Amino acid sequence: MTPNAFPGIPYRPPDYGAVRTYGGRELTGNGKGAGETPMREVAAPFWRRVPAFIADLLLAQVLAGFLGTMAAAARSLAEHGPRPTLWVDPQQQAALFAGQALPLFLFCYFAFFTAYGGRTPGKMLLGLKVVAAGGGAVSPGRCLFRTLCYLASVLTWGLGFLVAAGPAKRALHDRLSGTRVVWRVPARDRSTPS
C-alpha cells in the first residue's frame, strides 16, 4: 500500500520485524510460522512402520482393483462393443487382472512414491520418510534397488521386516539398500520414541 492510496487516512507501515509473544513463546519474522515447533528426525519405531506398510498395501490393492476393473471394462468393450448384455463377466476379469498384476503394481507403487519425495502415502500418514543411511535424500536408483530388496524381506518369510524391531530399527531391505526410515518428532522432546 502506498502512502497516498487513501487520502485523508494516515498511513502506518506494517512492522514485520517486531517481536511478539504467542502462548509464552517469542515470534519473529523467521519464516517458520506462528508457534511452529522445530523438528528432528529419529529412527522410525517398528510400531509406527507396521501400520504405514499395511495402509500402503490396502491402498495399492484398491488402486490395482480399480485399474483391473477399468482394464476389464475396456477389454469387454473392445471385444463386444457397447452392448453390456454381451459382456463376459467383467468382475471376474477384473479380479484376475488385479491378482496377476498386483506384484508389478506393488513394485511400481513403492518405487514411485519412495523416489518422489521419500514417502509412500502410508508413510505420509504416519509422518515417516525414507532417507539415505548417512542422511539426506534417496536417489531414484537407490529407491528402485530398495524396492527390489523388499523381495529379500518377503522371501525370508517376513523375518526381514521384523529386523526393524531391533535396536537399529532398520529392516533387511533398508540394510541392503543403505537406507533408513525416520520419524519427525519435536526437537524439544529429547526422549527417543521406541
Protein backbone atom coordinates (compact mmCIF):
# COMPACT_ATOMS: atom_id res chain seq x y z
CA MET A 1 0.00 0.00 0.00
CA THR A 2 1.32 3.40 -0.91
CA PRO A 3 1.00 6.37 1.46
CA ASN A 4 -1.37 8.20 -0.96
CA ALA A 5 -3.73 5.29 -1.71
CA PHE A 6 -6.43 6.60 0.63
CA PRO A 7 -6.21 10.39 1.02
CA GLY A 8 -7.08 11.67 4.45
CA ILE A 9 -6.27 8.37 6.20
CA PRO A 10 -2.87 8.36 7.89
CA TYR A 11 -0.54 5.67 6.58
CA ARG A 12 1.38 3.49 9.02
CA PRO A 13 3.72 0.88 7.50
CA PRO A 14 3.49 -2.66 8.90
CA ASP A 15 6.10 -3.69 11.43
CA TYR A 16 7.19 -7.13 10.24
CA GLY A 17 10.32 -7.27 12.36
CA ALA A 18 8.59 -6.71 15.68
CA VAL A 19 8.85 -9.49 18.24
CA ARG A 20 5.52 -10.57 19.65
CA THR A 21 4.63 -13.31 22.07
CA TYR A 22 2.16 -16.08 21.41
CA GLY A 23 1.42 -18.67 24.06
CA GLY A 24 4.52 -17.62 26.04
CA ARG A 25 6.86 -18.05 23.01
CA GLU A 26 8.54 -15.26 21.12
CA LEU A 27 7.69 -14.98 17.45
CA THR A 28 9.85 -13.23 14.90
CA GLY A 29 9.81 -12.96 11.16
CA ASN A 30 11.90 -16.12 10.69
CA GLY A 31 9.52 -17.77 8.20
CA LYS A 32 8.67 -20.72 10.45
CA GLY A 33 5.09 -19.71 11.12
CA ALA A 34 3.29 -18.88 14.31
CA GLY A 35 4.17 -21.30 17.05
CA GLU A 36 5.80 -23.92 14.79
CA THR A 37 7.96 -26.29 16.80
CA PRO A 38 11.41 -27.21 15.45
CA MET A 39 11.54 -30.86 14.43
CA ARG A 40 14.24 -33.52 14.42
CA GLU A 41 14.43 -36.91 12.73
CA VAL A 42 14.81 -40.13 14.73
CA ALA A 43 14.81 -43.76 13.62
CA ALA A 44 11.21 -44.82 13.00
CA PRO A 45 9.96 -47.33 15.56
CA PHE A 46 8.60 -50.66 14.39
CA TRP A 47 5.13 -49.98 15.82
CA ARG A 48 4.87 -46.95 13.55
CA ARG A 49 6.20 -48.66 10.42
CA VAL A 50 3.72 -51.56 10.53
CA PRO A 51 0.50 -49.51 10.15
CA ALA A 52 2.16 -47.42 7.41
CA PHE A 53 3.00 -50.59 5.47
CA ILE A 54 -0.49 -52.03 5.97
CA ALA A 55 -2.07 -48.77 4.79
CA ASP A 56 0.14 -48.85 1.68
CA LEU A 57 -0.82 -52.46 0.93
CA LEU A 58 -4.53 -51.68 1.29
CA LEU A 59 -4.31 -48.57 -0.88
CA ALA A 60 -2.30 -50.41 -3.53
CA GLN A 61 -4.88 -53.22 -3.53
CA VAL A 62 -7.72 -50.74 -4.03
CA LEU A 63 -5.85 -48.98 -6.83
CA ALA A 64 -4.99 -52.29 -8.52
CA GLY A 65 -8.64 -53.37 -8.28
CA PHE A 66 -9.76 -50.07 -9.80
CA LEU A 67 -7.27 -50.40 -12.65
CA GLY A 68 -8.30 -54.03 -13.12
CA THR A 69 -11.94 -53.01 -13.39
CA MET A 70 -11.09 -50.34 -15.95
CA ALA A 71 -8.95 -52.79 -17.96
CA ALA A 72 -11.68 -55.47 -17.88
CA ALA A 73 -14.33 -52.96 -18.96
CA ALA A 74 -12.10 -51.71 -21.77
CA ARG A 75 -11.40 -55.25 -22.95
CA SER A 76 -15.07 -56.21 -22.88
CA LEU A 77 -15.99 -53.03 -24.68
CA ALA A 78 -13.36 -53.69 -27.34
CA GLU A 79 -14.45 -57.31 -27.83
CA HIS A 80 -18.23 -56.97 -27.60
CA GLY A 81 -18.96 -53.33 -28.28
CA PRO A 82 -21.18 -51.10 -26.16
CA ARG A 83 -23.79 -53.82 -25.51
CA PRO A 84 -23.40 -54.71 -21.81
CA THR A 85 -25.59 -57.81 -22.17
CA LEU A 86 -22.87 -59.48 -24.21
CA TRP A 87 -20.02 -58.66 -21.82
CA VAL A 88 -18.18 -61.61 -20.35
CA ASP A 89 -18.29 -61.24 -16.54
CA PRO A 90 -16.18 -58.06 -16.06
CA GLN A 91 -15.88 -58.61 -12.28
CA GLN A 92 -14.16 -61.93 -12.83
CA GLN A 93 -11.83 -60.40 -15.40
CA ALA A 94 -11.07 -57.51 -13.05
CA ALA A 95 -10.21 -59.87 -10.19
CA LEU A 96 -8.00 -61.94 -12.49
CA PHE A 97 -6.20 -58.85 -13.77
CA ALA A 98 -5.72 -57.43 -10.26
CA GLY A 99 -4.33 -60.74 -8.99
CA GLN A 100 -1.90 -61.14 -11.87
CA ALA A 101 -0.77 -57.53 -11.99
CA LEU A 102 -0.59 -56.90 -8.22
CA PRO A 103 3.13 -57.79 -7.74
CA LEU A 104 4.16 -55.48 -10.59
CA PHE A 105 1.78 -52.80 -9.38
CA LEU A 106 3.17 -53.01 -5.81
CA PHE A 107 6.70 -52.65 -7.16
CA CYS A 108 5.73 -49.55 -9.17
CA TYR A 109 3.74 -48.13 -6.25
CA PHE A 110 6.56 -48.38 -3.70
CA ALA A 111 9.31 -47.38 -6.15
CA PHE A 112 7.45 -44.34 -7.47
CA PHE A 113 6.37 -42.89 -4.14
CA THR A 114 9.72 -43.53 -2.47
CA ALA A 115 11.56 -41.88 -5.36
CA TYR A 116 9.09 -38.99 -5.41
CA GLY A 117 9.73 -37.44 -2.01
CA GLY A 118 10.86 -40.44 0.02
CA ARG A 119 7.34 -41.23 1.26
CA THR A 120 4.56 -43.57 0.30
CA PRO A 121 1.03 -42.44 1.24
CA GLY A 122 1.12 -44.70 4.31
CA LYS A 123 4.40 -43.15 5.43
CA MET A 124 3.00 -39.65 4.82
CA LEU A 125 0.03 -40.50 7.00
CA LEU A 126 2.26 -41.53 9.91
CA GLY A 127 5.00 -38.92 9.48
CA LEU A 128 7.70 -41.30 8.22
CA LYS A 129 10.27 -40.78 5.48
CA VAL A 130 12.93 -42.88 3.75
CA VAL A 131 16.40 -41.29 3.78
CA ALA A 132 19.92 -42.46 2.96
CA ALA A 133 21.71 -44.26 5.79
CA GLY A 134 24.02 -41.27 6.27
CA GLY A 135 21.14 -38.79 6.00
CA GLY A 136 19.84 -36.81 3.06
CA ALA A 137 17.56 -37.64 0.18
CA VAL A 138 17.50 -41.02 -1.53
CA SER A 139 18.33 -41.14 -5.23
CA PRO A 140 15.79 -42.68 -7.65
CA GLY A 141 18.21 -45.53 -8.43
CA ARG A 142 18.53 -46.37 -4.76
CA CYS A 143 14.73 -46.25 -4.43
CA LEU A 144 14.41 -48.85 -7.19
CA PHE A 145 17.06 -51.02 -5.54
CA ARG A 146 15.33 -50.65 -2.14
CA THR A 147 12.05 -51.77 -3.68
CA LEU A 148 13.78 -54.79 -5.24
CA CYS A 149 15.25 -55.59 -1.83
CA TYR A 150 11.71 -56.00 -0.48
CA LEU A 151 11.97 -59.46 -2.06
CA ALA A 152 14.70 -60.36 0.44
CA SER A 153 12.44 -59.33 3.32
CA VAL A 154 9.49 -61.28 1.87
CA LEU A 155 11.44 -64.41 0.89
CA THR A 156 12.72 -64.82 4.46
CA TRP A 157 9.08 -65.49 5.48
CA GLY A 158 8.73 -61.89 6.63
CA LEU A 159 11.64 -62.04 9.06
CA GLY A 160 13.39 -59.31 7.05
CA PHE A 161 10.64 -56.93 8.14
CA LEU A 162 10.92 -58.00 11.81
CA VAL A 163 14.58 -56.95 11.85
CA ALA A 164 13.25 -53.38 12.05
CA ALA A 165 12.05 -54.13 15.59
CA GLY A 166 15.69 -54.39 16.72
CA PRO A 167 17.78 -51.59 18.21
CA ALA A 168 18.97 -50.30 14.80
CA LYS A 169 15.32 -50.03 13.59
CA ARG A 170 16.33 -50.96 10.03
CA ALA A 171 14.62 -53.76 8.09
CA LEU A 172 16.58 -56.13 5.87
CA HIS A 173 15.71 -54.17 2.72
CA ASP A 174 16.94 -50.98 4.45
CA ARG A 175 20.26 -52.59 5.34
CA LEU A 176 20.77 -53.98 1.83
CA SER A 177 19.94 -50.71 0.09
CA GLY A 178 21.73 -48.35 2.52
CA THR A 179 18.59 -46.54 3.63
CA ARG A 180 16.70 -45.96 6.84
CA VAL A 181 13.22 -44.79 7.78
CA VAL A 182 12.97 -41.74 10.02
CA TRP A 183 10.19 -40.17 12.05
CA ARG A 184 9.93 -36.43 12.65
CA VAL A 185 9.43 -35.55 16.32
CA PRO A 186 9.59 -32.21 18.16
CA ALA A 187 13.18 -31.16 18.84
CA ARG A 188 12.43 -30.21 22.44
CA ASP A 189 11.48 -33.82 23.19
CA ARG A 190 14.83 -35.44 23.94
CA SER A 191 13.43 -38.90 24.60
CA THR A 192 13.71 -41.08 21.51
CA PRO A 193 10.41 -42.86 20.81
CA SER A 194 10.66 -46.63 20.77
